[in-house]
Amino acid sequence: FSQVWKVKVTPKVTFLIWRIICNTLPTLENLIRRRVLPESVDSSCPFWHLNLESVSHIFFSCHEVYGIWKECFYWFGTHTVLPNDPTLHFNQIPYSLAFEVEKQRWKVVWCANTWCIWRYRNNCVFNGNALDKEKLKEDTLFTSWSWLISSQLLVDYSFNQWVVNPGACLSSSCARG
């Protein structure tokens, strides 16, 4: 768990990541297990409405978010099978990353994507909105870029350059990171 606290993101994001890894988020599965909600409540995923809303499903195995994770890995030049376990997923660093700064960037992108997924999940649950995968992707791109810029892990790239080719931005300034 110590790696969670070293990622260059805000404390509320770090706390979210810690709660994901510890499986303490108020997902429907956890609320039913703790007897906060009755077992008769609809506990399906707010994105796809087929599977139980659990931490591992909502963040990692849901059909609606899996593709976004694959794209994030693709930015780093990696094609992989993704684990459903939060700890394994957090610790799965693309094999192509040789420099420490690249690994730090990956963790920020991972946290940004996770943060955006949670915000969209809450928007679906509390406002009754449907998930817009393209908007989630756009928000992940913007959040990743802004957090990388603010943490000084990514310099010299405008948002327009980032949107066109995040992979090139992530790998081309390794020596300066």
Protein backbone atom coordinates (compact mmCIF):
# COMPACT_ATOMS: atom_id res chain seq x y z
CA PHE A 1 0.00 0.00 0.00
CA SER A 2 2.92 2.38 0.46
CA GLN A 3 3.07 3.13 -3.30
CA VAL A 4 -0.42 4.66 -3.14
CA TRP A 5 0.77 7.50 -0.93
CA LYS A 6 3.72 8.34 -3.22
CA VAL A 7 1.67 9.18 -6.33
CA LYS A 8 1.69 12.89 -7.15
CA VAL A 9 -2.06 13.54 -6.89
CA THR A 10 -4.28 15.35 -4.40
CA PRO A 11 -5.01 13.74 -1.03
CA LYS A 12 -8.68 13.10 -1.86
CA VAL A 13 -7.62 11.10 -4.92
CA THR A 14 -5.03 9.20 -2.90
CA PHE A 15 -7.72 8.39 -0.34
CA LEU A 16 -10.04 7.17 -3.11
CA ILE A 17 -7.31 4.88 -4.44
CA TRP A 18 -6.60 3.55 -0.95
CA ARG A 19 -10.33 2.83 -0.47
CA ILE A 20 -10.47 1.03 -3.81
CA ILE A 21 -7.53 -1.19 -2.88
CA CYS A 22 -9.02 -1.87 0.57
CA ASN A 23 -12.48 -2.47 -0.94
CA THR A 24 -14.15 0.07 1.35
CA LEU A 25 -15.95 2.26 -1.20
CA PRO A 26 -19.73 2.43 -0.83
CA THR A 27 -20.53 0.25 -3.83
CA LEU A 28 -23.84 -1.57 -3.78
CA GLU A 29 -22.08 -4.86 -3.05
CA ASN A 30 -20.36 -3.38 0.01
CA LEU A 31 -23.50 -1.61 1.25
CA ILE A 32 -25.51 -4.84 1.02
CA ARG A 33 -22.73 -6.86 2.67
CA ARG A 34 -22.64 -4.38 5.57
CA ARG A 35 -26.46 -4.51 5.79
CA VAL A 36 -26.80 -0.80 5.01
CA LEU A 37 -29.08 -1.76 2.11
CA PRO A 38 -31.42 -4.75 1.90
CA GLU A 39 -30.48 -7.67 -0.34
CA SER A 40 -33.59 -6.97 -2.42
CA VAL A 41 -32.22 -3.67 -3.78
CA ASP A 42 -31.14 -3.55 -7.43
CA SER A 43 -27.39 -3.95 -7.11
CA SER A 44 -26.48 -3.88 -10.78
CA CYS A 45 -23.70 -1.84 -12.32
CA PRO A 46 -24.96 1.67 -13.18
CA PHE A 47 -23.08 1.60 -16.49
CA TRP A 48 -24.09 -1.70 -18.06
CA HIS A 49 -26.81 -2.98 -15.65
CA LEU A 50 -25.75 -6.62 -15.95
CA ASN A 51 -23.25 -7.36 -13.20
CA LEU A 52 -23.12 -6.70 -9.48
CA GLU A 53 -21.72 -3.27 -8.69
CA SER A 54 -18.49 -4.14 -6.90
CA VAL A 55 -15.18 -2.31 -6.72
CA SER A 56 -13.48 -4.73 -9.09
CA HIS A 57 -16.36 -4.61 -11.56
CA ILE A 58 -17.00 -0.87 -11.63
CA PHE A 59 -13.35 0.09 -12.04
CA PHE A 60 -11.75 -2.78 -13.91
CA SER A 61 -13.98 -5.41 -15.52
CA CYS A 62 -17.09 -3.49 -16.60
CA HIS A 63 -17.39 -3.58 -20.37
CA GLU A 64 -17.88 0.20 -20.42
CA VAL A 65 -14.58 1.04 -18.71
CA TYR A 66 -12.36 -1.82 -19.85
CA GLY A 67 -11.78 -0.21 -23.24
CA ILE A 68 -10.64 3.02 -21.63
CA TRP A 69 -8.09 1.14 -19.53
CA LYS A 70 -6.82 -0.60 -22.67
CA GLU A 71 -6.41 2.79 -24.34
CA CYS A 72 -4.46 4.16 -21.36
CA PHE A 73 -2.07 1.22 -21.60
CA TYR A 74 -1.83 1.79 -25.35
CA TRP A 75 -0.60 5.36 -24.69
CA PHE A 76 2.42 3.70 -23.09
CA GLY A 77 2.86 1.29 -25.99
CA THR A 78 1.52 -1.74 -24.13
CA HIS A 79 -1.11 -4.32 -25.04
CA THR A 80 -1.99 -6.50 -22.07
CA VAL A 81 -4.61 -8.50 -20.26
CA LEU A 82 -5.80 -6.49 -17.29
CA PRO A 83 -6.41 -7.96 -13.84
CA ASN A 84 -9.68 -7.35 -11.98
CA ASP A 85 -8.01 -7.19 -8.59
CA PRO A 86 -7.47 -3.54 -7.52
CA THR A 87 -4.01 -4.11 -6.02
CA LEU A 88 -2.77 -6.06 -9.02
CA HIS A 89 -4.25 -3.49 -11.38
CA PHE A 90 -2.60 -0.59 -9.52
CA ASN A 91 0.76 -2.35 -9.52
CA GLN A 92 0.62 -3.43 -13.16
CA ILE A 93 3.06 -1.05 -14.81
CA PRO A 94 3.38 -1.23 -18.59
CA TYR A 95 6.45 -3.33 -19.42
CA SER A 96 7.77 -0.70 -21.83
CA LEU A 97 8.49 1.81 -19.07
CA ALA A 98 12.21 1.97 -18.38
CA PHE A 99 12.58 5.29 -16.58
CA GLU A 100 11.28 6.10 -13.11
CA VAL A 101 9.59 9.27 -14.39
CA GLU A 102 7.60 7.16 -16.88
CA LYS A 103 6.41 4.94 -14.04
CA GLN A 104 5.39 8.01 -12.03
CA ARG A 105 3.49 9.33 -15.04
CA TRP A 106 1.72 5.99 -15.42
CA LYS A 107 0.55 6.10 -11.80
CA VAL A 108 -0.84 9.62 -12.31
CA VAL A 109 -2.69 8.49 -15.46
CA TRP A 110 -3.98 5.44 -13.55
CA CYS A 111 -5.26 7.65 -10.73
CA ALA A 112 -6.82 10.13 -13.16
CA ASN A 113 -8.71 7.40 -14.98
CA THR A 114 -9.88 5.89 -11.70
CA TRP A 115 -10.99 9.30 -10.41
CA CYS A 116 -12.96 9.97 -13.61
CA ILE A 117 -14.62 6.54 -13.50
CA TRP A 118 -15.75 7.14 -9.90
CA ARG A 119 -17.12 10.59 -10.77
CA TYR A 120 -19.05 9.12 -13.71
CA ARG A 121 -20.34 6.28 -11.58
CA ASN A 122 -21.65 8.80 -9.05
CA ASN A 123 -23.22 10.88 -11.82
CA CYS A 124 -25.07 7.79 -13.05
CA VAL A 125 -26.17 6.72 -9.57
CA PHE A 126 -27.18 10.08 -8.10
CA ASN A 127 -28.32 11.99 -11.19
CA GLY A 128 -29.67 9.14 -13.29
CA ASN A 129 -27.40 9.98 -16.21
CA ALA A 130 -26.16 7.38 -18.66
CA LEU A 131 -22.46 6.82 -19.14
CA ASP A 132 -21.00 8.56 -22.17
CA LYS A 133 -17.80 6.62 -22.91
CA GLU A 134 -16.47 9.30 -25.24
CA LYS A 135 -16.96 11.98 -22.57
CA LEU A 136 -15.29 9.74 -19.97
CA LYS A 137 -12.34 9.31 -22.32
CA GLU A 138 -12.13 13.09 -22.86
CA ASP A 139 -12.27 13.73 -19.12
CA THR A 140 -9.56 11.14 -18.50
CA LEU A 141 -7.38 12.81 -21.13
CA PHE A 142 -7.88 16.26 -19.62
CA THR A 143 -7.52 15.15 -16.01
CA SER A 144 -4.36 13.15 -16.78
CA TRP A 145 -2.79 16.04 -18.65
CA SER A 146 -3.65 18.64 -16.01
CA TRP A 147 -2.38 16.46 -13.14
CA LEU A 148 0.83 15.62 -15.00
CA ILE A 149 1.42 19.31 -15.73
CA SER A 150 0.67 20.42 -12.16
CA SER A 151 2.97 17.75 -10.72
CA GLN A 152 5.68 18.78 -13.21
CA LEU A 153 5.91 15.24 -14.54
CA LEU A 154 5.04 16.48 -18.01
CA VAL A 155 6.35 19.73 -19.43
CA ASP A 156 6.47 21.46 -22.81
CA TYR A 157 3.19 20.04 -24.15
CA SER A 158 -0.07 21.87 -24.76
CA PHE A 159 -3.38 20.15 -24.25
CA ASN A 160 -3.85 20.05 -28.03
CA GLN A 161 -0.58 18.17 -28.44
CA TRP A 162 -1.59 15.81 -25.64
CA VAL A 163 -4.99 15.02 -27.18
CA VAL A 164 -3.46 14.28 -30.58
CA ASN A 165 -0.88 11.82 -29.23
CA PRO A 166 -0.61 11.27 -25.48
CA GLY A 167 1.83 8.40 -26.00
CA ALA A 168 4.35 10.63 -27.74
CA CYS A 169 4.07 13.25 -24.99
CA LEU A 170 4.55 10.62 -22.28
CA SER A 171 7.64 9.05 -23.79
CA SER A 172 9.46 11.88 -25.55
CA SER A 173 10.47 13.92 -22.52
CA CYS A 174 11.68 11.14 -20.21
CA ALA A 175 15.08 12.66 -19.70
CA ARG A 176 13.55 16.01 -18.69
CA GLY A 177 10.83 14.55 -16.41
